[in-house]
Amino acid sequence: MNRLLTTLWEWIFGTEASSAFEDGSRRQTDCPQTDRPSEKKRKGEEYPTPKLTPFRYRYRQKKRTRSNLVSEQPYRLAMPYVASLGEFLDLTADHAPEKLNQQELPLLKTPEDLANWLQKPLGTVAWLTDYFNEARRPIDVRKAHYRYTWKQKRAGGYRLIESPLPKLKETQEQILDEILDRVPVHAAAHGFCTGRSILTNAKPHVGQQIIVKMDLDNFYTRVRFSRVVAIFRSIGYSREVALWLAKLTTSAIPSNLEFPGGEPKQLRLFLPRHLPQGAPTSPAIANLVAFSLDVRLAGLTKSFGGNYTRYGDDLTFSGDWRFQKSLRLFIPLAQQIIRQERFVINRRKRKILRRSTQQSVTGVVVNDKTNISRKSYDNLKATLHNCIKLGPASQNRDDHPNFYAHLRGRIAYVQQLNKPRGDKLLAMFKQIRW
């Protein structure tokens, strides 16, 4: 029988392959166990996740050259060149007025132009940037331009709220209104954008088979000073003005700021200059910094037939059953892109929501249509009922300064998501005796 099998094998595959059937030992040698599919490969891991090539960003000026040096101070508060006495750096050569005119932005080339536009003395603007302090950072909490408040997170750890004081806040609001709000953001960004909201962020994910939610850890804090400078330079401002605008919109905590509960490693995140959570300019700058992240994630999701939106640090992906089957490959690729764009994923907040469960995106239920969750609706209805029965003061447990406007705003939000339910709540609201 073996001879017959050998003859047939030789006739089909040739004489060289027939020797494999001559004895059992040679069969084991020619066909080793390692050539067979392993247990992991049979489970679907035979296709490793491909490695994405990081973007190569081109900088307009890689290093300071002799062409930037001048013998006389070109403008007030120009930086002296430390390697050569009597020479100064002129950092206004890359000013791009054509790009600024295209976006109808103010033409600012020097620190004096910036001060005149802000209608403040140059010394005051320099003081707001900590120009006169050692290491260009506040030397004491009492002399800082921010008010610092630690708030504990529900998932553990602390969040630092940095609220600018009135003079700096006024300056930041002008930068926001007349510069940042005029620069378009990616279509997938819905947080803190004119004409967009949590409702527009949720609509692309209505009625989908699967929803994947990811959260960026310390979104604002991980946006460093250099990235903010790059944003203002890309808009068209000179390096000099970009440095000043970045200093006005970022924060570096003083060395004597106390952390609740000791000195954990988390405090190191706040030591370099970063976007402060609490400044009016931070959401707009974060959206511009995340533009390349949105471009890459939107393209990746589209290639898998899915949808992508971002609301602040909340990333949402959704799709049909084909998108669901590709998650084993899609999620590692999305995580690669997030890491390459210098953000960090909060793995504890990653969620995969299937159609059999309640699917919510930024608090909006999206299983069949945009809707409010039953729990939120029942809680608001109970509050209105108690306000009618016991009076509104008994229900203002969080001491809202304008409880009337607070309740009316919550009802208007419900009306946006589900008008019949919202109208019922509004009828109850009108029965309250204020």
Protein backbone atom coordinates (compact mmCIF):
# COMPACT_ATOMS: atom_id res chain seq x y z
CA MET A 1 0.00 0.00 0.00
CA ASN A 2 2.82 2.42 0.88
CA ARG A 3 4.53 1.63 -2.42
CA LEU A 4 1.29 2.38 -4.28
CA LEU A 5 0.86 5.71 -2.47
CA THR A 6 4.48 6.60 -3.22
CA THR A 7 3.99 5.85 -6.91
CA LEU A 8 0.84 7.97 -7.08
CA TRP A 9 2.52 10.85 -5.24
CA GLU A 10 5.55 10.67 -7.56
CA TRP A 11 3.27 10.66 -10.62
CA ILE A 12 1.34 13.76 -9.39
CA PHE A 13 4.05 15.91 -7.71
CA GLY A 14 7.33 14.54 -9.09
CA THR A 15 10.13 12.33 -7.84
CA GLU A 16 11.51 14.80 -5.29
CA ALA A 17 8.30 14.83 -3.25
CA SER A 18 7.86 11.04 -3.23
CA SER A 19 10.60 10.50 -0.64
CA ALA A 20 8.43 12.16 2.00
CA PHE A 21 6.25 9.02 2.14
CA GLU A 22 9.02 6.45 2.41
CA ASP A 23 9.04 6.35 6.20
CA GLY A 24 7.34 8.09 9.14
CA SER A 25 10.46 9.72 10.51
CA ARG A 26 11.17 11.60 7.29
CA ARG A 27 7.54 12.73 7.12
CA GLN A 28 7.93 14.34 10.54
CA THR A 29 11.19 16.01 9.43
CA ASP A 30 9.84 17.41 6.17
CA CYS A 31 6.53 18.56 7.66
CA PRO A 32 7.44 19.82 11.15
CA GLN A 33 4.82 20.72 13.72
CA THR A 34 5.86 24.38 13.60
CA ASP A 35 4.62 24.68 10.01
CA ARG A 36 1.07 23.97 11.06
CA PRO A 37 -1.29 26.80 12.07
CA SER A 38 -0.86 27.56 15.75
CA GLU A 39 -3.70 27.78 18.20
CA LYS A 40 -3.50 31.60 18.19
CA LYS A 41 -3.60 31.77 14.40
CA ARG A 42 -6.72 29.61 14.30
CA LYS A 43 -8.38 32.16 16.59
CA GLY A 44 -8.01 34.94 14.03
CA GLU A 45 -4.59 36.37 14.93
CA GLU A 46 -2.85 35.24 11.78
CA TYR A 47 -3.17 38.76 10.38
CA PRO A 48 -1.01 41.07 12.51
CA THR A 49 -1.99 44.73 12.84
CA PRO A 50 -0.07 46.75 10.23
CA LYS A 51 2.18 49.53 11.44
CA LEU A 52 1.18 52.99 10.26
CA THR A 53 3.85 55.40 9.06
CA PRO A 54 3.82 58.58 11.18
CA PHE A 55 3.28 61.92 9.48
CA ARG A 56 6.39 63.86 8.60
CA TYR A 57 5.72 67.50 9.38
CA ARG A 58 7.75 70.10 7.52
CA TYR A 59 8.81 73.11 9.50
CA ARG A 60 9.38 76.41 7.80
CA GLN A 61 12.46 77.11 9.87
CA LYS A 62 14.39 74.20 11.34
CA LYS A 63 17.05 76.29 13.06
CA ARG A 64 18.11 79.82 13.64
CA THR A 65 20.41 81.03 10.90
CA ARG A 66 22.59 84.08 10.52
CA SER A 67 19.90 85.68 8.37
CA ASN A 68 17.79 86.15 11.53
CA LEU A 69 20.52 88.16 13.25
CA VAL A 70 20.67 91.95 13.13
CA SER A 71 23.10 94.35 14.74
CA GLU A 72 20.42 96.68 16.10
CA GLN A 73 17.25 95.89 18.01
CA PRO A 74 14.61 95.51 15.24
CA TYR A 75 11.61 96.10 17.53
CA ARG A 76 10.90 96.54 21.21
CA LEU A 77 11.49 93.48 23.40
CA ALA A 78 13.24 91.62 20.58
CA MET A 79 15.25 88.69 21.96
CA PRO A 80 19.05 89.14 22.14
CA TYR A 81 21.17 86.42 20.59
CA VAL A 82 22.89 84.73 23.53
CA ALA A 83 25.79 83.38 21.45
CA SER A 84 26.85 86.82 20.26
CA LEU A 85 26.88 90.07 22.20
CA GLY A 86 25.27 93.06 20.54
CA GLU A 87 23.15 91.05 18.09
CA PHE A 88 19.41 90.43 18.14
CA LEU A 89 17.04 87.89 16.64
CA ASP A 90 14.53 89.20 14.13
CA LEU A 91 11.72 86.63 14.25
CA THR A 92 9.29 88.48 11.99
CA ALA A 93 10.59 87.33 8.58
CA ASP A 94 8.01 84.53 8.24
CA HIS A 95 5.04 86.91 8.60
CA ALA A 96 2.39 85.89 6.00
CA PRO A 97 -0.10 88.75 5.51
CA GLU A 98 -1.75 87.04 2.53
CA LYS A 99 -2.84 84.12 4.72
CA LEU A 100 -4.09 86.46 7.43
CA ASN A 101 -6.09 88.50 4.91
CA GLN A 102 -7.63 85.32 3.56
CA GLN A 103 -9.14 84.56 6.99
CA GLU A 104 -9.78 88.27 7.74
CA LEU A 105 -7.47 88.15 10.75
CA PRO A 106 -5.69 91.13 12.30
CA LEU A 107 -2.27 91.85 10.77
CA LEU A 108 0.20 91.53 13.64
CA LYS A 109 3.94 91.34 12.98
CA THR A 110 5.69 92.60 16.14
CA PRO A 111 4.91 92.67 19.89
CA GLU A 112 4.01 96.35 19.55
CA ASP A 113 1.42 95.49 16.89
CA LEU A 114 -0.04 92.94 19.28
CA ALA A 115 -0.16 95.43 22.16
CA ASN A 116 -1.82 98.09 20.00
CA TRP A 117 -4.42 95.58 18.82
CA LEU A 118 -5.15 94.56 22.43
CA GLN A 119 -5.29 98.27 23.36
CA LYS A 120 -2.87 97.71 26.22
CA PRO A 121 0.64 99.01 26.92
CA LEU A 122 3.39 96.68 25.76
CA GLY A 123 4.62 96.39 29.35
CA THR A 124 1.19 95.17 30.48
CA VAL A 125 1.06 92.52 27.74
CA ALA A 126 4.59 91.39 28.68
CA TRP A 127 3.52 91.20 32.33
CA LEU A 128 0.59 88.95 31.37
CA THR A 129 3.03 86.57 29.65
CA ASP A 130 5.34 86.42 32.72
CA TYR A 131 8.03 88.07 30.59
CA PHE A 132 9.70 89.71 33.59
CA ASN A 133 9.70 86.59 35.80
CA GLU A 134 12.55 84.16 36.10
CA ALA A 135 12.05 81.11 33.84
CA ARG A 136 9.03 82.89 32.31
CA ARG A 137 6.59 81.39 34.84
CA PRO A 138 4.81 82.70 37.96
CA ILE A 139 7.02 82.63 41.00
CA ASP A 140 4.17 82.34 43.47
CA VAL A 141 0.51 81.29 43.49
CA ARG A 142 -0.54 84.71 44.77
CA LYS A 143 1.24 86.45 41.87
CA ALA A 144 -0.04 84.17 39.12
CA HIS A 145 -2.57 85.26 36.50
CA TYR A 146 -4.71 82.19 37.14
CA ARG A 147 -6.82 81.00 40.03
CA TYR A 148 -6.11 77.30 40.68
CA THR A 149 -8.75 74.83 41.85
CA TRP A 150 -8.35 71.07 42.23
CA LYS A 151 -11.43 68.93 41.53
CA GLN A 152 -11.58 65.21 42.13
CA LYS A 153 -12.52 63.03 39.17
CA ARG A 154 -15.23 60.41 39.49
CA ALA A 155 -12.87 57.74 38.13
CA GLY A 156 -10.05 58.75 40.50
CA GLY A 157 -7.33 61.38 40.45
CA TYR A 158 -7.66 65.16 40.30
CA ARG A 159 -8.38 67.74 37.62
CA LEU A 160 -6.79 71.19 37.78
CA ILE A 161 -9.08 74.07 36.83
CA GLU A 162 -7.04 77.15 35.90
CA SER A 163 -9.34 80.18 35.70
CA PRO A 164 -7.70 83.34 34.30
CA LEU A 165 -7.99 86.53 36.29
CA PRO A 166 -9.99 89.43 34.75
CA LYS A 167 -7.18 91.17 32.81
CA LEU A 168 -5.89 88.00 31.24
CA LYS A 169 -9.41 86.68 30.61
CA GLU A 170 -10.31 89.87 28.75
CA THR A 171 -7.23 89.43 26.56
CA GLN A 172 -7.99 85.78 25.89
CA GLU A 173 -11.59 86.54 24.94
CA GLN A 174 -10.39 89.05 22.34
CA ILE A 175 -7.97 86.47 20.90
CA LEU A 176 -10.83 83.97 20.79
CA ASP A 177 -13.37 86.29 19.15
CA GLU A 178 -11.12 87.96 16.58
CA ILE A 179 -8.61 85.19 15.72
CA LEU A 180 -9.43 81.65 16.81
CA ASP A 181 -13.17 81.62 16.04
CA ARG A 182 -12.43 82.70 12.45
CA VAL A 183 -10.19 79.70 11.72
CA PRO A 184 -12.23 76.69 10.50
CA VAL A 185 -11.94 73.36 12.30
CA HIS A 186 -12.45 69.84 10.96
CA ALA A 187 -16.00 68.76 10.10
CA ALA A 188 -15.78 65.92 12.63
CA ALA A 189 -15.19 68.34 15.56
CA HIS A 190 -18.44 69.33 17.29
CA GLY A 191 -17.35 70.60 20.68
CA PHE A 192 -17.28 74.38 21.29
CA CYS A 193 -17.91 75.16 17.60
CA THR A 194 -20.46 77.67 16.35
CA GLY A 195 -23.51 75.92 14.96
CA ARG A 196 -22.54 72.52 16.40
CA SER A 197 -23.52 70.83 19.62
CA ILE A 198 -23.84 67.47 21.35
CA LEU A 199 -26.89 66.91 19.14
CA THR A 200 -24.96 67.30 15.88
CA ASN A 201 -22.23 65.13 17.38
CA ALA A 202 -24.72 62.33 18.05
CA LYS A 203 -26.77 62.38 14.82
CA PRO A 204 -24.21 60.53 12.60
CA HIS A 205 -24.40 57.57 15.00
CA VAL A 206 -28.19 57.11 15.05
CA GLY A 207 -29.38 53.56 14.27
CA GLN A 208 -25.91 52.02 13.93
CA GLN A 209 -25.10 48.39 14.67
CA ILE A 210 -22.05 49.13 16.83
CA ILE A 211 -20.64 52.21 18.59
CA VAL A 212 -17.08 52.53 19.90
CA LYS A 213 -16.32 55.33 22.38
CA MET A 214 -12.82 56.44 23.36
CA ASP A 215 -11.66 59.17 25.72
CA LEU A 216 -8.43 61.18 25.58
CA ASP A 217 -6.69 61.43 28.94
CA ASN A 218 -5.85 65.01 30.10
CA PHE A 219 -6.72 66.42 26.68
CA TYR A 220 -5.85 70.07 27.38
CA THR A 221 -2.85 69.42 29.60
CA ARG A 222 -1.06 67.34 26.95
CA VAL A 223 -1.20 70.21 24.43
CA ARG A 224 2.18 71.82 25.06
CA PHE A 225 3.43 75.32 24.36
CA SER A 226 5.29 74.32 21.18
CA ARG A 227 2.12 72.97 19.56
CA VAL A 228 0.22 76.17 20.34
CA VAL A 229 3.04 78.22 18.77
CA ALA A 230 2.82 76.00 15.68
CA ILE A 231 -0.92 76.70 15.38
CA PHE A 232 -0.48 80.47 15.36
CA ARG A 233 2.42 80.19 12.89
CA SER A 234 0.35 78.01 10.56
CA ILE A 235 -2.37 80.67 10.57
CA GLY A 236 0.16 83.14 9.18
CA TYR A 237 1.62 85.00 12.16
CA SER A 238 5.33 85.57 12.52
CA ARG A 239 7.30 83.46 14.97
CA GLU A 240 7.61 86.46 17.30
CA VAL A 241 3.86 87.14 17.49
CA ALA A 242 3.10 83.40 17.65
CA LEU A 243 5.32 83.10 20.74
CA TRP A 244 3.52 85.97 22.44
CA LEU A 245 0.04 84.69 21.56
CA ALA A 246 0.97 81.23 22.80
CA LYS A 247 2.21 82.64 26.12
CA LEU A 248 -1.05 84.55 26.54
CA THR A 249 -3.12 81.39 26.03
CA THR A 250 -1.06 78.80 27.93
CA SER A 251 -0.17 78.33 31.58
CA ALA A 252 2.74 77.10 33.67
CA ILE A 253 1.93 76.45 37.31
CA PRO A 254 4.08 78.03 40.04
CA SER A 255 6.46 75.74 41.90
CA ASN A 256 4.70 76.22 45.26
CA LEU A 257 1.27 75.05 44.06
CA GLU A 258 0.05 72.37 46.45
CA PHE A 259 -1.45 69.13 45.22
CA PRO A 260 -4.23 67.55 47.32
CA GLY A 261 -2.90 64.48 49.06
CA GLY A 262 0.82 64.98 48.49
CA GLU A 263 3.12 65.05 45.43
CA PRO A 264 1.93 62.43 42.94
CA LYS A 265 3.34 61.86 39.47
CA GLN A 266 0.29 63.52 37.97
CA LEU A 267 1.65 66.91 39.02
CA ARG A 268 4.41 66.57 36.41
CA LEU A 269 1.84 66.99 33.66
CA PHE A 270 1.21 70.59 34.69
CA LEU A 271 4.81 71.77 35.09
CA PRO A 272 5.52 72.52 31.38
CA ARG A 273 3.50 75.22 29.65
CA HIS A 274 0.17 73.76 28.56
CA LEU A 275 -3.41 74.64 27.67
CA PRO A 276 -5.22 75.55 30.89
CA GLN A 277 -8.59 73.96 31.50
CA GLY A 278 -10.72 76.97 32.37
CA ALA A 279 -9.38 79.51 29.86
CA PRO A 280 -11.88 80.63 27.15
CA THR A 281 -9.30 80.05 24.39
CA SER A 282 -8.39 76.45 25.30
CA PRO A 283 -11.27 74.60 23.54
CA ALA A 284 -10.72 76.44 20.25
CA ILE A 285 -6.95 75.88 20.32
CA ALA A 286 -7.43 72.21 21.21
CA ASN A 287 -9.73 71.77 18.20
CA LEU A 288 -7.08 73.27 15.91
CA VAL A 289 -4.31 71.15 17.43
CA ALA A 290 -6.44 68.03 16.93
CA PHE A 291 -7.08 68.84 13.25
CA SER A 292 -4.55 66.29 11.98
CA LEU A 293 -5.93 63.74 14.46
CA ASP A 294 -9.43 64.32 13.04
CA VAL A 295 -8.18 64.06 9.45
CA ARG A 296 -6.48 60.72 10.04
CA LEU A 297 -9.22 59.15 12.17
CA ALA A 298 -11.95 60.31 9.79
CA GLY A 299 -10.06 58.82 6.85
CA LEU A 300 -9.41 55.56 8.67
CA THR A 301 -13.04 55.23 9.76
CA LYS A 302 -14.32 56.01 6.27
CA SER A 303 -12.08 53.29 4.79
CA PHE A 304 -13.84 50.80 7.09
CA GLY A 305 -17.29 52.14 6.18
CA GLY A 306 -17.91 53.81 9.56
CA ASN A 307 -18.66 57.25 11.03
CA TYR A 308 -16.42 59.40 13.24
CA THR A 309 -17.07 62.48 15.39
CA ARG A 310 -15.22 64.18 18.23
CA TYR A 311 -16.66 66.32 21.01
CA GLY A 312 -13.74 67.71 22.99
CA ASP A 313 -11.87 64.68 24.30
CA ASP A 314 -14.68 62.21 23.47
CA LEU A 315 -14.08 60.19 20.28
CA THR A 316 -17.00 58.24 18.80
CA PHE A 317 -16.92 55.66 15.99
CA SER A 318 -19.92 53.74 14.63
CA GLY A 319 -20.97 51.55 11.72
CA ASP A 320 -22.94 48.57 10.47
CA TRP A 321 -22.26 44.86 10.93
CA ARG A 322 -19.31 44.97 8.52
CA PHE A 323 -17.69 47.69 10.64
CA GLN A 324 -18.37 45.56 13.72
CA LYS A 325 -16.52 42.59 12.20
CA SER A 326 -13.48 44.78 11.48
CA LEU A 327 -13.06 46.12 15.04
CA ARG A 328 -10.22 43.69 15.79
CA LEU A 329 -8.17 45.50 13.15
CA PHE A 330 -9.74 48.97 13.36
CA ILE A 331 -9.23 49.65 17.09
CA PRO A 332 -5.44 48.97 17.10
CA LEU A 333 -5.03 51.19 14.02
CA ALA A 334 -7.02 54.02 15.66
CA GLN A 335 -4.92 53.70 18.80
CA GLN A 336 -1.73 53.95 16.72
CA ILE A 337 -2.94 57.20 15.17
CA ILE A 338 -3.85 58.66 18.57
CA ARG A 339 -0.39 57.82 19.96
CA GLN A 340 1.37 59.22 16.88
CA GLU A 341 -0.56 62.48 17.31
CA ARG A 342 0.83 62.70 20.85
CA PHE A 343 -2.39 62.04 22.74
CA VAL A 344 -3.07 59.35 25.36
CA ILE A 345 -6.14 57.10 25.55
CA ASN A 346 -7.93 56.63 28.85
CA ARG A 347 -8.41 52.86 28.54
CA ARG A 348 -10.81 52.69 31.47
CA LYS A 349 -13.34 54.79 29.55
CA ARG A 350 -13.30 52.84 26.30
CA LYS A 351 -16.74 51.38 25.58
CA ILE A 352 -18.25 49.21 22.85
CA LEU A 353 -22.03 49.57 22.65
CA ARG A 354 -24.05 47.10 20.61
CA ARG A 355 -27.55 47.67 19.34
CA SER A 356 -29.04 45.34 21.95
CA THR A 357 -28.05 47.81 24.71
CA GLN A 358 -28.75 51.51 25.21
CA GLN A 359 -26.39 53.40 22.89
CA SER A 360 -25.62 56.95 24.04
CA VAL A 361 -23.23 59.52 22.57
CA THR A 362 -22.36 62.55 24.76
CA GLY A 363 -25.50 61.85 26.80
CA VAL A 364 -27.83 61.50 23.79
CA VAL A 365 -29.53 58.13 23.21
CA VAL A 366 -29.11 57.15 19.53
CA ASN A 367 -30.54 53.61 19.19
CA ASP A 368 -33.36 54.59 16.81
CA LYS A 369 -33.45 58.40 17.04
CA THR A 370 -31.92 61.14 19.17
CA ASN A 371 -33.58 60.92 22.55
CA ILE A 372 -33.03 61.57 26.24
CA SER A 373 -32.43 58.62 28.53
CA ARG A 374 -35.37 57.44 30.57
CA LYS A 375 -33.47 57.97 33.83
CA SER A 376 -32.64 61.62 33.04
CA TYR A 377 -36.21 62.31 31.96
CA ASP A 378 -37.67 60.75 35.12
CA ASN A 379 -35.27 62.69 37.37
CA LEU A 380 -36.17 66.03 35.75
CA LYS A 381 -39.88 65.19 35.87
CA ALA A 382 -39.61 64.36 39.58
CA THR A 383 -37.80 67.66 40.23
CA LEU A 384 -40.54 69.64 38.49
CA HIS A 385 -43.25 67.72 40.39
CA ASN A 386 -41.58 68.51 43.73
CA CYS A 387 -41.17 72.16 42.71
CA ILE A 388 -44.94 72.35 42.13
CA LYS A 389 -45.72 70.61 45.40
CA LEU A 390 -43.01 71.91 47.77
CA GLY A 391 -41.71 75.03 46.04
CA PRO A 392 -38.59 75.55 43.84
CA ALA A 393 -36.33 76.48 46.76
CA SER A 394 -36.61 72.96 48.17
CA GLN A 395 -35.17 71.44 44.97
CA ASN A 396 -32.23 73.82 44.43
CA ARG A 397 -29.80 71.51 46.19
CA ASP A 398 -26.77 72.71 44.21
CA ASP A 399 -27.45 76.40 45.04
CA HIS A 400 -27.84 77.59 41.44
CA PRO A 401 -27.90 81.42 41.45
CA ASN A 402 -30.69 81.39 38.84
CA PHE A 403 -32.64 78.18 39.37
CA TYR A 404 -35.43 79.38 37.07
CA ALA A 405 -33.03 79.66 34.09
CA HIS A 406 -31.36 76.38 35.05
CA LEU A 407 -34.61 74.38 34.89
CA ARG A 408 -35.76 76.17 31.75
CA GLY A 409 -32.49 75.31 30.02
CA ARG A 410 -32.79 71.63 30.95
CA ILE A 411 -36.31 71.55 29.52
CA ALA A 412 -35.16 73.22 26.30
CA TYR A 413 -32.49 70.54 25.98
CA VAL A 414 -35.14 67.80 26.28
CA GLN A 415 -37.25 69.59 23.64
CA GLN A 416 -34.32 69.42 21.23
CA LEU A 417 -34.04 65.66 21.65
CA ASN A 418 -37.71 64.69 22.07
CA LYS A 419 -40.27 67.46 21.55
CA PRO A 420 -43.35 65.65 22.92
CA ARG A 421 -41.55 64.84 26.17
CA GLY A 422 -40.13 68.35 26.36
CA ASP A 423 -43.58 69.92 25.92
CA LYS A 424 -44.92 67.83 28.81
CA LEU A 425 -42.12 69.06 31.07
CA LEU A 426 -42.71 72.66 29.94
CA ALA A 427 -46.38 72.38 30.92
CA MET A 428 -45.30 71.27 34.39
CA PHE A 429 -42.74 74.08 34.60
CA LYS A 430 -45.45 76.69 34.00
CA GLN A 431 -47.34 75.42 37.07
CA ILE A 432 -44.48 76.30 39.44
CA ARG A 433 -45.04 79.33 41.67
CA TRP A 434 -41.86 81.37 41.59
